[in-house]
Amino acid sequence: MIKILRFLKITLSVLLVLIFVGWLTFVPPATGPGYELISTWGTPGSDPGEFNDPTGIAITDDDVFVSDARNNRIQVFDWNGTFKRQITKTGKDGQKLGRPMNLTIKGGLLYVPDYWNDRIDIFSLAGNWIKSIGSAGKKPGQIRAPGGLAVMDNGDLLIAGFYNQRIQKLNADGAFIRQWGKTNKIGIGAEQFNYPTDVTVAPDQSIIVADGYNDRIQVFDKDGQFVRKWGGPFGINIYGPFNGWFATVTDVDVDSNGLIYVADFYNDRIQVFDKNGAFINNFGKGTLDKAIGVAASPDGKTVFAVDYRGNRITKWRLKSK
């Protein structure tokens, strides 16, 4: 009996040590400052300044562009939340936008993933339609429900095809170059996706993918070679509320220092990582009700987060150390 009790005691001690080591390994502590809320704007509705399921967000030095998804428009505000203008139609036969998603601004142009219309609409920052790229389908160059995109320095487009389970690389005119992921095939391995929602490009031109329902981030180098993935243990679709874990990734952004900002939807927060994927901090819990979009200023001192269920935009400031 004594031997049995001793064995159980040793076993329990080993288990506790393993749990402790596992916690330290898979739940990293914060290593940098968080953010404090400084302002919000928006209420439910369809009038200027109101939202019905806001999703994507992108910023310039002066303006904030917001995808007002179910109102089928882009609204533009100044950094204090004052409404300035809206974009509701493309120049393609005056067709309305159909559920615009995660926005991208690059080279003085606004790129809009048009979810329902299976294409990318491109506008000037003043709201003038320039052209549309893509059509519905699963062939190379075709798109089904684009969730987000990025523009590389040479003008190539990286498009997250939500239902196609792939990231496509197209040239500026929409010609197919290559893809990551098998078309219409879900997977949890490297270079496989489970409804990807967004993609962004780091200052070194590495490619960062929000692998939505796999609850993780995947990173590829500028040549498209897989580098790393993270989110829960081993980045293999294990979700959770802990530091560095996700519960559906819906948007990703990067600042000029390479810091990565991730919208962690069901965990109601934004998480921040360094360029190697090491956890820094998170914010928004208790304020955001389904964090769906994020946009950081180049210096990372100001971050805008989209509060999906709250139908509002929140503005955050980096805390002093």
C-alpha atoms as a PDB file:
ATOM      1  CA  MET A   1       0.000   0.000   0.000  1.00  0.00           C
ATOM      2  CA  ILE A   2       2.820   2.362   0.895  1.00  0.00           C
ATOM      3  CA  LYS A   3       4.529   1.582  -2.421  1.00  0.00           C
ATOM      4  CA  ILE A   4       1.306   2.318  -4.308  1.00  0.00           C
ATOM      5  CA  LEU A   5       0.860   5.648  -2.542  1.00  0.00           C
ATOM      6  CA  ARG A   6       4.490   6.526  -3.219  1.00  0.00           C
ATOM      7  CA  PHE A   7       4.041   5.624  -6.898  1.00  0.00           C
ATOM      8  CA  LEU A   8       0.905   7.776  -7.158  1.00  0.00           C
ATOM      9  CA  LYS A   9       2.685  10.647  -5.448  1.00  0.00           C
ATOM     10  CA  ILE A  10       5.622  10.445  -7.859  1.00  0.00           C
ATOM     11  CA  THR A  11       3.270  10.151 -10.840  1.00  0.00           C
ATOM     12  CA  LEU A  12       1.279  13.196  -9.709  1.00  0.00           C
ATOM     13  CA  SER A  13       4.483  15.173  -9.215  1.00  0.00           C
ATOM     14  CA  VAL A  14       5.681  14.281 -12.719  1.00  0.00           C
ATOM     15  CA  LEU A  15       2.320  15.259 -14.192  1.00  0.00           C
ATOM     16  CA  LEU A  16       2.389  18.602 -12.404  1.00  0.00           C
ATOM     17  CA  VAL A  17       5.907  19.267 -13.679  1.00  0.00           C
ATOM     18  CA  LEU A  18       4.851  18.365 -17.224  1.00  0.00           C
ATOM     19  CA  ILE A  19       1.818  20.648 -16.992  1.00  0.00           C
ATOM     20  CA  PHE A  20       3.996  23.482 -15.694  1.00  0.00           C
ATOM     21  CA  VAL A  21       6.581  23.007 -18.441  1.00  0.00           C
ATOM     22  CA  GLY A  22       3.821  22.755 -21.047  1.00  0.00           C
ATOM     23  CA  TRP A  23       2.268  25.984 -19.788  1.00  0.00           C
ATOM     24  CA  LEU A  24       5.598  27.815 -20.016  1.00  0.00           C
ATOM     25  CA  THR A  25       6.159  26.385 -23.493  1.00  0.00           C
ATOM     26  CA  PHE A  26       2.741  26.999 -25.033  1.00  0.00           C
ATOM     27  CA  VAL A  27       1.416  29.992 -23.034  1.00  0.00           C
ATOM     28  CA  PRO A  28       4.057  32.723 -23.229  1.00  0.00           C
ATOM     29  CA  PRO A  29       3.971  35.731 -20.884  1.00  0.00           C
ATOM     30  CA  ALA A  30       3.655  39.306 -22.117  1.00  0.00           C
ATOM     31  CA  THR A  31       7.033  40.814 -22.967  1.00  0.00           C
ATOM     32  CA  GLY A  32       6.034  44.318 -24.012  1.00  0.00           C
ATOM     33  CA  PRO A  33       3.522  47.085 -23.287  1.00  0.00           C
ATOM     34  CA  GLY A  34      -0.153  46.826 -24.161  1.00  0.00           C
ATOM     35  CA  TYR A  35      -2.579  49.414 -25.518  1.00  0.00           C
ATOM     36  CA  GLU A  36      -5.139  51.689 -23.912  1.00  0.00           C
ATOM     37  CA  LEU A  37      -8.487  52.668 -25.425  1.00  0.00           C
ATOM     38  CA  ILE A  38      -8.672  56.355 -26.319  1.00  0.00           C
ATOM     39  CA  SER A  39     -11.834  56.696 -28.442  1.00  0.00           C
ATOM     40  CA  THR A  40     -14.654  54.876 -30.245  1.00  0.00           C
ATOM     41  CA  TRP A  41     -17.183  55.787 -32.888  1.00  0.00           C
ATOM     42  CA  GLY A  42     -20.149  54.239 -34.678  1.00  0.00           C
ATOM     43  CA  THR A  43     -23.593  52.853 -33.868  1.00  0.00           C
ATOM     44  CA  PRO A  44     -25.837  50.305 -35.627  1.00  0.00           C
ATOM     45  CA  GLY A  45     -27.600  51.641 -38.703  1.00  0.00           C
ATOM     46  CA  SER A  46     -27.209  52.705 -42.315  1.00  0.00           C
ATOM     47  CA  ASP A  47     -26.752  56.467 -42.070  1.00  0.00           C
ATOM     48  CA  PRO A  48     -23.304  58.079 -42.499  1.00  0.00           C
ATOM     49  CA  GLY A  49     -21.149  57.104 -39.521  1.00  0.00           C
ATOM     50  CA  GLU A  50     -23.319  54.091 -38.677  1.00  0.00           C
ATOM     51  CA  PHE A  51     -22.452  50.467 -39.394  1.00  0.00           C
ATOM     52  CA  ASN A  52     -24.034  47.138 -40.172  1.00  0.00           C
ATOM     53  CA  ASP A  53     -21.384  44.462 -39.602  1.00  0.00           C
ATOM     54  CA  PRO A  54     -18.161  46.425 -40.141  1.00  0.00           C
ATOM     55  CA  THR A  55     -15.302  44.144 -41.167  1.00  0.00           C
ATOM     56  CA  GLY A  56     -12.115  45.475 -42.748  1.00  0.00           C
ATOM     57  CA  ILE A  57     -10.090  48.585 -42.001  1.00  0.00           C
ATOM     58  CA  ALA A  58      -7.123  50.414 -43.529  1.00  0.00           C
ATOM     59  CA  ILE A  59      -5.551  53.769 -42.735  1.00  0.00           C
ATOM     60  CA  THR A  60      -3.493  56.569 -44.224  1.00  0.00           C
ATOM     61  CA  ASP A  61      -1.801  59.396 -42.349  1.00  0.00           C
ATOM     62  CA  ASP A  62      -5.110  61.282 -42.365  1.00  0.00           C
ATOM     63  CA  ASP A  63      -7.991  58.899 -43.020  1.00  0.00           C
ATOM     64  CA  VAL A  64      -9.561  55.667 -41.790  1.00  0.00           C
ATOM     65  CA  PHE A  65     -11.290  53.469 -44.396  1.00  0.00           C
ATOM     66  CA  VAL A  66     -13.848  50.975 -43.068  1.00  0.00           C
ATOM     67  CA  SER A  67     -15.674  48.132 -44.840  1.00  0.00           C
ATOM     68  CA  ASP A  68     -19.308  48.540 -43.802  1.00  0.00           C
ATOM     69  CA  ALA A  69     -20.078  45.055 -45.064  1.00  0.00           C
ATOM     70  CA  ARG A  70     -23.839  44.641 -44.966  1.00  0.00           C
ATOM     71  CA  ASN A  71     -24.398  48.258 -45.918  1.00  0.00           C
ATOM     72  CA  ASN A  72     -22.359  47.431 -49.051  1.00  0.00           C
ATOM     73  CA  ARG A  73     -20.059  50.409 -48.774  1.00  0.00           C
ATOM     74  CA  ILE A  74     -16.724  51.795 -47.655  1.00  0.00           C
ATOM     75  CA  GLN A  75     -16.928  54.661 -45.176  1.00  0.00           C
ATOM     76  CA  VAL A  76     -14.075  57.133 -44.755  1.00  0.00           C
ATOM     77  CA  PHE A  77     -13.351  59.042 -41.525  1.00  0.00           C
ATOM     78  CA  ASP A  78     -10.596  61.189 -40.154  1.00  0.00           C
ATOM     79  CA  TRP A  79      -8.527  59.782 -37.292  1.00  0.00           C
ATOM     80  CA  ASN A  80     -10.954  61.267 -34.752  1.00  0.00           C
ATOM     81  CA  GLY A  81     -13.945  59.465 -36.270  1.00  0.00           C
ATOM     82  CA  THR A  82     -15.496  62.353 -38.177  1.00  0.00           C
ATOM     83  CA  PHE A  83     -17.317  61.076 -41.267  1.00  0.00           C
ATOM     84  CA  LYS A  84     -15.900  62.399 -44.561  1.00  0.00           C
ATOM     85  CA  ARG A  85     -17.314  60.378 -47.465  1.00  0.00           C
ATOM     86  CA  GLN A  86     -18.365  56.939 -48.649  1.00  0.00           C
ATOM     87  CA  ILE A  87     -17.827  54.602 -51.596  1.00  0.00           C
ATOM     88  CA  THR A  88     -20.805  52.513 -52.676  1.00  0.00           C
ATOM     89  CA  LYS A  89     -20.328  51.625 -56.349  1.00  0.00           C
ATOM     90  CA  THR A  90     -17.709  50.423 -58.762  1.00  0.00           C
ATOM     91  CA  GLY A  91     -17.412  51.890 -62.237  1.00  0.00           C
ATOM     92  CA  LYS A  92     -18.335  48.533 -63.698  1.00  0.00           C
ATOM     93  CA  ASP A  93     -21.810  49.389 -64.982  1.00  0.00           C
ATOM     94  CA  GLY A  94     -22.419  51.233 -61.714  1.00  0.00           C
ATOM     95  CA  GLN A  95     -22.597  47.939 -59.822  1.00  0.00           C
ATOM     96  CA  LYS A  96     -22.848  48.145 -56.056  1.00  0.00           C
ATOM     97  CA  LEU A  97     -20.161  46.769 -53.794  1.00  0.00           C
ATOM     98  CA  GLY A  98     -21.081  43.359 -52.431  1.00  0.00           C
ATOM     99  CA  ARG A  99     -19.905  42.875 -48.847  1.00  0.00           C
ATOM    100  CA  PRO A 100     -16.451  44.486 -48.908  1.00  0.00           C
ATOM    101  CA  MET A 101     -13.976  42.722 -46.616  1.00  0.00           C
ATOM    102  CA  ASN A 102     -10.404  43.341 -45.383  1.00  0.00           C
ATOM    103  CA  LEU A 103      -9.039  46.470 -47.036  1.00  0.00           C
ATOM    104  CA  THR A 104      -5.543  47.306 -48.259  1.00  0.00           C
ATOM    105  CA  ILE A 105      -3.997  50.655 -49.183  1.00  0.00           C
ATOM    106  CA  LYS A 106      -0.827  50.665 -51.246  1.00  0.00           C
ATOM    107  CA  GLY A 107       0.726  53.222 -53.590  1.00  0.00           C
ATOM    108  CA  GLY A 108      -2.154  55.663 -53.254  1.00  0.00           C
ATOM    109  CA  LEU A 109      -4.761  53.043 -54.185  1.00  0.00           C
ATOM    110  CA  LEU A 110      -7.519  51.345 -52.196  1.00  0.00           C
ATOM    111  CA  TYR A 111      -7.929  47.600 -52.812  1.00  0.00           C
ATOM    112  CA  VAL A 112     -11.310  46.135 -51.878  1.00  0.00           C
ATOM    113  CA  PRO A 113     -11.996  42.365 -51.722  1.00  0.00           C
ATOM    114  CA  ASP A 114     -15.591  42.173 -52.981  1.00  0.00           C
ATOM    115  CA  TYR A 115     -16.825  39.028 -51.237  1.00  0.00           C
ATOM    116  CA  TRP A 116     -20.178  38.548 -52.943  1.00  0.00           C
ATOM    117  CA  ASN A 117     -18.949  39.605 -56.391  1.00  0.00           C
ATOM    118  CA  ASP A 118     -15.843  37.377 -56.305  1.00  0.00           C
ATOM    119  CA  ARG A 119     -13.381  40.047 -57.398  1.00  0.00           C
ATOM    120  CA  ILE A 120     -10.984  42.764 -56.269  1.00  0.00           C
ATOM    121  CA  ASP A 121     -12.140  46.346 -56.842  1.00  0.00           C
ATOM    122  CA  ILE A 122      -9.475  49.047 -57.036  1.00  0.00           C
ATOM    123  CA  PHE A 123     -10.186  52.720 -56.293  1.00  0.00           C
ATOM    124  CA  SER A 124      -8.290  55.944 -55.877  1.00  0.00           C
ATOM    125  CA  LEU A 125      -8.254  57.164 -52.299  1.00  0.00           C
ATOM    126  CA  ALA A 126     -10.811  59.788 -53.360  1.00  0.00           C
ATOM    127  CA  GLY A 127     -13.180  56.927 -54.185  1.00  0.00           C
ATOM    128  CA  ASN A 128     -12.927  56.861 -57.972  1.00  0.00           C
ATOM    129  CA  TRP A 129     -13.162  53.347 -59.412  1.00  0.00           C
ATOM    130  CA  ILE A 130     -10.132  52.358 -61.469  1.00  0.00           C
ATOM    131  CA  LYS A 131     -10.614  48.695 -62.346  1.00  0.00           C
ATOM    132  CA  SER A 132     -11.687  45.269 -61.093  1.00  0.00           C
ATOM    133  CA  ILE A 133      -9.673  42.061 -61.127  1.00  0.00           C
ATOM    134  CA  GLY A 134     -10.872  38.475 -60.995  1.00  0.00           C
ATOM    135  CA  SER A 135     -14.045  36.498 -61.605  1.00  0.00           C
ATOM    136  CA  ALA A 136     -15.923  33.738 -59.816  1.00  0.00           C
ATOM    137  CA  GLY A 137     -14.471  30.238 -60.025  1.00  0.00           C
ATOM    138  CA  LYS A 138     -11.734  27.853 -58.994  1.00  0.00           C
ATOM    139  CA  LYS A 139      -9.423  28.059 -61.996  1.00  0.00           C
ATOM    140  CA  PRO A 140      -6.073  29.863 -61.698  1.00  0.00           C
ATOM    141  CA  GLY A 141      -6.778  33.578 -61.390  1.00  0.00           C
ATOM    142  CA  GLN A 142     -10.403  33.084 -60.427  1.00  0.00           C
ATOM    143  CA  ILE A 143     -11.700  33.815 -56.914  1.00  0.00           C
ATOM    144  CA  ARG A 144     -14.431  32.594 -54.614  1.00  0.00           C
ATOM    145  CA  ALA A 145     -15.253  34.996 -51.793  1.00  0.00           C
ATOM    146  CA  PRO A 146     -12.017  36.970 -51.369  1.00  0.00           C
ATOM    147  CA  GLY A 147     -11.480  37.813 -47.720  1.00  0.00           C
ATOM    148  CA  GLY A 148      -8.364  39.965 -47.914  1.00  0.00           C
ATOM    149  CA  LEU A 149      -5.316  40.796 -49.968  1.00  0.00           C
ATOM    150  CA  ALA A 150      -1.879  42.342 -49.936  1.00  0.00           C
ATOM    151  CA  VAL A 151       0.190  44.182 -52.534  1.00  0.00           C
ATOM    152  CA  MET A 152       3.901  43.480 -52.881  1.00  0.00           C
ATOM    153  CA  ASP A 153       6.369  46.241 -53.702  1.00  0.00           C
ATOM    154  CA  ASN A 154       6.484  45.163 -57.357  1.00  0.00           C
ATOM    155  CA  GLY A 155       2.680  45.435 -57.657  1.00  0.00           C
ATOM    156  CA  ASP A 156       1.879  41.714 -57.475  1.00  0.00           C
ATOM    157  CA  LEU A 157      -1.334  40.879 -55.624  1.00  0.00           C
ATOM    158  CA  LEU A 158      -1.717  38.218 -52.928  1.00  0.00           C
ATOM    159  CA  ILE A 159      -5.364  37.217 -52.530  1.00  0.00           C
ATOM    160  CA  ALA A 160      -6.917  35.123 -49.748  1.00  0.00           C
ATOM    161  CA  GLY A 161      -9.627  33.022 -51.389  1.00  0.00           C
ATOM    162  CA  PHE A 162     -11.913  32.106 -48.504  1.00  0.00           C
ATOM    163  CA  TYR A 163     -13.832  29.290 -50.207  1.00  0.00           C
ATOM    164  CA  ASN A 164     -11.008  28.263 -52.547  1.00  0.00           C
ATOM    165  CA  GLN A 165      -8.778  27.473 -49.518  1.00  0.00           C
ATOM    166  CA  ARG A 166      -5.774  29.129 -51.122  1.00  0.00           C
ATOM    167  CA  ILE A 167      -3.620  32.209 -51.448  1.00  0.00           C
ATOM    168  CA  GLN A 168      -3.099  33.267 -55.051  1.00  0.00           C
ATOM    169  CA  LYS A 169      -0.385  35.492 -56.434  1.00  0.00           C
ATOM    170  CA  LEU A 170      -1.468  37.536 -59.446  1.00  0.00           C
ATOM    171  CA  ASN A 171       0.296  40.327 -61.289  1.00  0.00           C
ATOM    172  CA  ALA A 172      -1.114  43.860 -61.265  1.00  0.00           C
ATOM    173  CA  ASP A 173      -3.326  43.035 -64.262  1.00  0.00           C
ATOM    174  CA  GLY A 174      -4.721  39.876 -62.690  1.00  0.00           C
ATOM    175  CA  ALA A 175      -2.633  37.287 -64.516  1.00  0.00           C
ATOM    176  CA  PHE A 176      -1.987  34.151 -62.445  1.00  0.00           C
ATOM    177  CA  ILE A 177       1.559  33.601 -61.149  1.00  0.00           C
ATOM    178  CA  ARG A 178       1.287  30.917 -58.471  1.00  0.00           C
ATOM    179  CA  GLN A 179      -0.687  29.771 -55.431  1.00  0.00           C
ATOM    180  CA  TRP A 180      -0.248  28.334 -51.941  1.00  0.00           C
ATOM    181  CA  GLY A 181      -2.663  25.644 -50.787  1.00  0.00           C
ATOM    182  CA  LYS A 182      -4.635  23.071 -52.762  1.00  0.00           C
ATOM    183  CA  THR A 183      -7.743  24.482 -54.381  1.00  0.00           C
ATOM    184  CA  ASN A 184     -10.871  23.645 -52.368  1.00  0.00           C
ATOM    185  CA  LYS A 185      -8.889  21.374 -50.024  1.00  0.00           C
ATOM    186  CA  ILE A 186      -8.742  22.037 -46.269  1.00  0.00           C
ATOM    187  CA  GLY A 187      -5.631  21.030 -44.337  1.00  0.00           C
ATOM    188  CA  ILE A 188      -3.652  21.752 -41.167  1.00  0.00           C
ATOM    189  CA  GLY A 189      -0.145  21.199 -42.476  1.00  0.00           C
ATOM    190  CA  ALA A 190       2.268  23.871 -43.652  1.00  0.00           C
ATOM    191  CA  GLU A 191       1.014  25.645 -46.788  1.00  0.00           C
ATOM    192  CA  GLN A 192      -2.489  24.277 -46.222  1.00  0.00           C
ATOM    193  CA  PHE A 193      -5.454  26.406 -45.226  1.00  0.00           C
ATOM    194  CA  ASN A 194      -8.834  26.308 -43.553  1.00  0.00           C
ATOM    195  CA  TYR A 195     -10.791  29.300 -44.879  1.00  0.00           C
ATOM    196  CA  PRO A 196      -7.997  31.910 -45.055  1.00  0.00           C
ATOM    197  CA  THR A 197      -9.255  35.393 -44.289  1.00  0.00           C
ATOM    198  CA  ASP A 198      -6.412  37.833 -44.976  1.00  0.00           C
ATOM    199  CA  VAL A 199      -2.808  38.271 -46.026  1.00  0.00           C
ATOM    200  CA  THR A 200      -0.286  41.058 -45.520  1.00  0.00           C
ATOM    201  CA  VAL A 201       3.300  41.772 -46.522  1.00  0.00           C
ATOM    202  CA  ALA A 202       6.024  42.630 -43.992  1.00  0.00           C
ATOM    203  CA  PRO A 203       8.704  45.281 -44.623  1.00  0.00           C
ATOM    204  CA  ASP A 204      11.100  42.519 -45.741  1.00  0.00           C
ATOM    205  CA  GLN A 205       8.414  41.305 -48.209  1.00  0.00           C
ATOM    206  CA  SER A 206       7.713  38.125 -46.266  1.00  0.00           C
ATOM    207  CA  ILE A 207       4.093  37.006 -46.592  1.00  0.00           C
ATOM    208  CA  ILE A 208       1.898  36.693 -43.494  1.00  0.00           C
ATOM    209  CA  VAL A 209      -1.377  34.785 -43.809  1.00  0.00           C
ATOM    210  CA  ALA A 210      -4.365  34.801 -41.464  1.00  0.00           C
ATOM    211  CA  ASP A 211      -5.338  31.115 -41.664  1.00  0.00           C
ATOM    212  CA  GLY A 212      -8.832  31.775 -40.340  1.00  0.00           C
ATOM    213  CA  TYR A 213     -10.454  28.573 -39.123  1.00  0.00           C
ATOM    214  CA  ASN A 214      -7.103  26.892 -38.523  1.00  0.00           C
ATOM    215  CA  ASP A 215      -6.724  29.443 -35.706  1.00  0.00           C
ATOM    216  CA  ARG A 216      -3.182  30.325 -36.697  1.00  0.00           C
ATOM    217  CA  ILE A 217      -0.776  32.512 -38.646  1.00  0.00           C
ATOM    218  CA  GLN A 218       1.422  31.166 -41.442  1.00  0.00           C
ATOM    219  CA  VAL A 219       4.508  32.984 -42.736  1.00  0.00           C
ATOM    220  CA  PHE A 220       6.311  32.573 -46.054  1.00  0.00           C
ATOM    221  CA  ASP A 221       9.477  34.313 -47.222  1.00  0.00           C
ATOM    222  CA  LYS A 222       9.530  36.743 -50.161  1.00  0.00           C
ATOM    223  CA  ASP A 223      10.130  33.828 -52.534  1.00  0.00           C
ATOM    224  CA  GLY A 224       7.115  31.965 -51.190  1.00  0.00           C
ATOM    225  CA  GLN A 225       8.911  29.346 -49.117  1.00  0.00           C
ATOM    226  CA  PHE A 226       7.223  28.336 -45.864  1.00  0.00           C
ATOM    227  CA  VAL A 227       8.968  29.789 -42.781  1.00  0.00           C
ATOM    228  CA  ARG A 228       6.811  29.209 -39.693  1.00  0.00           C
ATOM    229  CA  LYS A 229       3.313  28.940 -38.238  1.00  0.00           C
ATOM    230  CA  TRP A 230       1.921  29.633 -34.802  1.00  0.00           C
ATOM    231  CA  GLY A 231      -1.284  29.592 -32.806  1.00  0.00           C
ATOM    232  CA  GLY A 232      -1.788  27.124 -29.956  1.00  0.00           C
ATOM    233  CA  PRO A 233       0.418  24.033 -29.702  1.00  0.00           C
ATOM    234  CA  PHE A 234       2.302  23.503 -32.984  1.00  0.00           C
ATOM    235  CA  GLY A 235      -0.068  25.684 -35.038  1.00  0.00           C
ATOM    236  CA  ILE A 236      -2.317  22.771 -36.020  1.00  0.00           C
ATOM    237  CA  ASN A 237      -5.853  24.055 -35.451  1.00  0.00           C
ATOM    238  CA  ILE A 238      -6.012  23.881 -31.658  1.00  0.00           C
ATOM    239  CA  TYR A 239      -7.925  26.919 -30.456  1.00  0.00           C
ATOM    240  CA  GLY A 240      -7.970  28.507 -27.021  1.00  0.00           C
ATOM    241  CA  PRO A 241      -8.074  31.732 -25.001  1.00  0.00           C
ATOM    242  CA  PHE A 242      -4.430  31.771 -23.877  1.00  0.00           C
ATOM    243  CA  ASN A 243      -1.614  34.104 -24.920  1.00  0.00           C
ATOM    244  CA  GLY A 244      -0.538  33.264 -28.445  1.00  0.00           C
ATOM    245  CA  TRP A 245      -3.568  31.028 -29.089  1.00  0.00           C
ATOM    246  CA  PHE A 246      -6.483  32.024 -31.340  1.00  0.00           C
ATOM    247  CA  ALA A 247     -10.174  31.378 -31.792  1.00  0.00           C
ATOM    248  CA  THR A 248     -10.606  32.211 -35.510  1.00  0.00           C
ATOM    249  CA  VAL A 249      -8.151  34.647 -37.057  1.00  0.00           C
ATOM    250  CA  THR A 250      -9.951  37.266 -39.172  1.00  0.00           C
ATOM    251  CA  ASP A 251      -7.357  39.920 -40.025  1.00  0.00           C
ATOM    252  CA  VAL A 252      -3.631  40.596 -39.848  1.00  0.00           C
ATOM    253  CA  ASP A 253      -1.565  43.770 -40.179  1.00  0.00           C
ATOM    254  CA  VAL A 254       2.114  44.656 -39.784  1.00  0.00           C
ATOM    255  CA  ASP A 255       3.860  47.937 -38.928  1.00  0.00           C
ATOM    256  CA  SER A 256       7.120  49.346 -40.275  1.00  0.00           C
ATOM    257  CA  ASN A 257       9.065  47.611 -37.477  1.00  0.00           C
ATOM    258  CA  GLY A 258       7.714  44.215 -38.488  1.00  0.00           C
ATOM    259  CA  LEU A 259       5.397  43.842 -35.486  1.00  0.00           C
ATOM    260  CA  ILE A 260       2.367  41.721 -36.359  1.00  0.00           C
ATOM    261  CA  TYR A 261      -1.185  42.566 -35.221  1.00  0.00           C
ATOM    262  CA  VAL A 262      -3.819  39.821 -35.334  1.00  0.00           C
ATOM    263  CA  ALA A 263      -7.593  40.096 -34.938  1.00  0.00           C
ATOM    264  CA  ASP A 264      -8.554  37.176 -32.672  1.00  0.00           C
ATOM    265  CA  PHE A 265     -12.296  37.079 -33.381  1.00  0.00           C
ATOM    266  CA  TYR A 266     -13.954  34.864 -30.768  1.00  0.00           C
ATOM    267  CA  ASN A 267     -11.431  35.815 -28.103  1.00  0.00           C
ATOM    268  CA  ASP A 268     -12.536  39.461 -28.486  1.00  0.00           C
ATOM    269  CA  ARG A 269      -9.010  40.834 -28.693  1.00  0.00           C
ATOM    270  CA  ILE A 270      -6.059  41.946 -30.775  1.00  0.00           C
ATOM    271  CA  GLN A 271      -2.792  40.065 -30.251  1.00  0.00           C
ATOM    272  CA  VAL A 272       0.637  41.501 -31.019  1.00  0.00           C
ATOM    273  CA  PHE A 273       3.723  39.479 -32.011  1.00  0.00           C
ATOM    274  CA  ASP A 274       7.259  40.268 -33.083  1.00  0.00           C
ATOM    275  CA  LYS A 275       8.434  39.462 -36.607  1.00  0.00           C
ATOM    276  CA  ASN A 276       9.436  35.946 -35.515  1.00  0.00           C
ATOM    277  CA  GLY A 277       6.026  35.157 -34.052  1.00  0.00           C
ATOM    278  CA  ALA A 278       6.943  35.639 -30.390  1.00  0.00           C
ATOM    279  CA  PHE A 279       4.005  36.894 -28.320  1.00  0.00           C
ATOM    280  CA  ILE A 280       4.290  40.493 -27.050  1.00  0.00           C
ATOM    281  CA  ASN A 281       0.883  41.431 -25.642  1.00  0.00           C
ATOM    282  CA  ASN A 282      -2.845  41.600 -26.339  1.00  0.00           C
ATOM    283  CA  PHE A 283      -5.644  44.081 -25.761  1.00  0.00           C
ATOM    284  CA  GLY A 284      -9.376  44.552 -26.251  1.00  0.00           C
ATOM    285  CA  LYS A 285     -10.787  41.873 -23.949  1.00  0.00           C
ATOM    286  CA  GLY A 286     -13.808  43.337 -22.171  1.00  0.00           C
ATOM    287  CA  THR A 287     -14.137  46.121 -24.756  1.00  0.00           C
ATOM    288  CA  LEU A 288     -14.358  44.413 -28.140  1.00  0.00           C
ATOM    289  CA  ASP A 289     -17.285  42.162 -29.003  1.00  0.00           C
ATOM    290  CA  LYS A 290     -15.794  39.989 -31.786  1.00  0.00           C
ATOM    291  CA  ALA A 291     -12.591  41.653 -32.975  1.00  0.00           C
ATOM    292  CA  ILE A 292     -12.698  41.309 -36.753  1.00  0.00           C
ATOM    293  CA  GLY A 293     -10.304  43.909 -38.198  1.00  0.00           C
ATOM    294  CA  VAL A 294      -7.100  45.707 -37.245  1.00  0.00           C
ATOM    295  CA  ALA A 295      -4.921  48.459 -38.707  1.00  0.00           C
ATOM    296  CA  ALA A 296      -1.734  49.793 -37.100  1.00  0.00           C
ATOM    297  CA  SER A 297       0.028  53.065 -37.758  1.00  0.00           C
ATOM    298  CA  PRO A 298       3.513  52.650 -39.281  1.00  0.00           C
ATOM    299  CA  ASP A 299       5.174  53.335 -35.917  1.00  0.00           C
ATOM    300  CA  GLY A 300       2.784  51.009 -34.072  1.00  0.00           C
ATOM    301  CA  LYS A 301       1.812  53.680 -31.550  1.00  0.00           C
ATOM    302  CA  THR A 302      -1.818  53.851 -32.700  1.00  0.00           C
ATOM    303  CA  VAL A 303      -3.994  50.866 -33.578  1.00  0.00           C
ATOM    304  CA  PHE A 304      -7.560  50.824 -34.877  1.00  0.00           C
ATOM    305  CA  ALA A 305      -9.677  47.728 -34.199  1.00  0.00           C
ATOM    306  CA  VAL A 306     -13.085  46.872 -35.652  1.00  0.00           C
ATOM    307  CA  ASP A 307     -15.714  45.852 -33.104  1.00  0.00           C
ATOM    308  CA  TYR A 308     -17.946  43.627 -35.234  1.00  0.00           C
ATOM    309  CA  ARG A 309     -20.937  43.094 -32.953  1.00  0.00           C
ATOM    310  CA  GLY A 310     -20.582  46.518 -31.392  1.00  0.00           C
ATOM    311  CA  ASN A 311     -20.844  48.086 -34.872  1.00  0.00           C
ATOM    312  CA  ARG A 312     -18.086  50.518 -34.085  1.00  0.00           C
ATOM    313  CA  ILE A 313     -14.435  51.421 -34.525  1.00  0.00           C
ATOM    314  CA  THR A 314     -12.102  51.551 -31.542  1.00  0.00           C
ATOM    315  CA  LYS A 315      -8.870  53.539 -31.390  1.00  0.00           C
ATOM    316  CA  TRP A 316      -6.001  52.443 -29.128  1.00  0.00           C
ATOM    317  CA  ARG A 317      -2.734  54.009 -28.031  1.00  0.00           C
ATOM    318  CA  LEU A 318       0.473  52.214 -27.034  1.00  0.00           C
ATOM    319  CA  LYS A 319       1.083  52.425 -23.304  1.00  0.00           C
ATOM    320  CA  SER A 320       4.362  53.818 -22.095  1.00  0.00           C
ATOM    321  CA  LYS A 321       6.693  51.162 -20.707  1.00  0.00           C
END
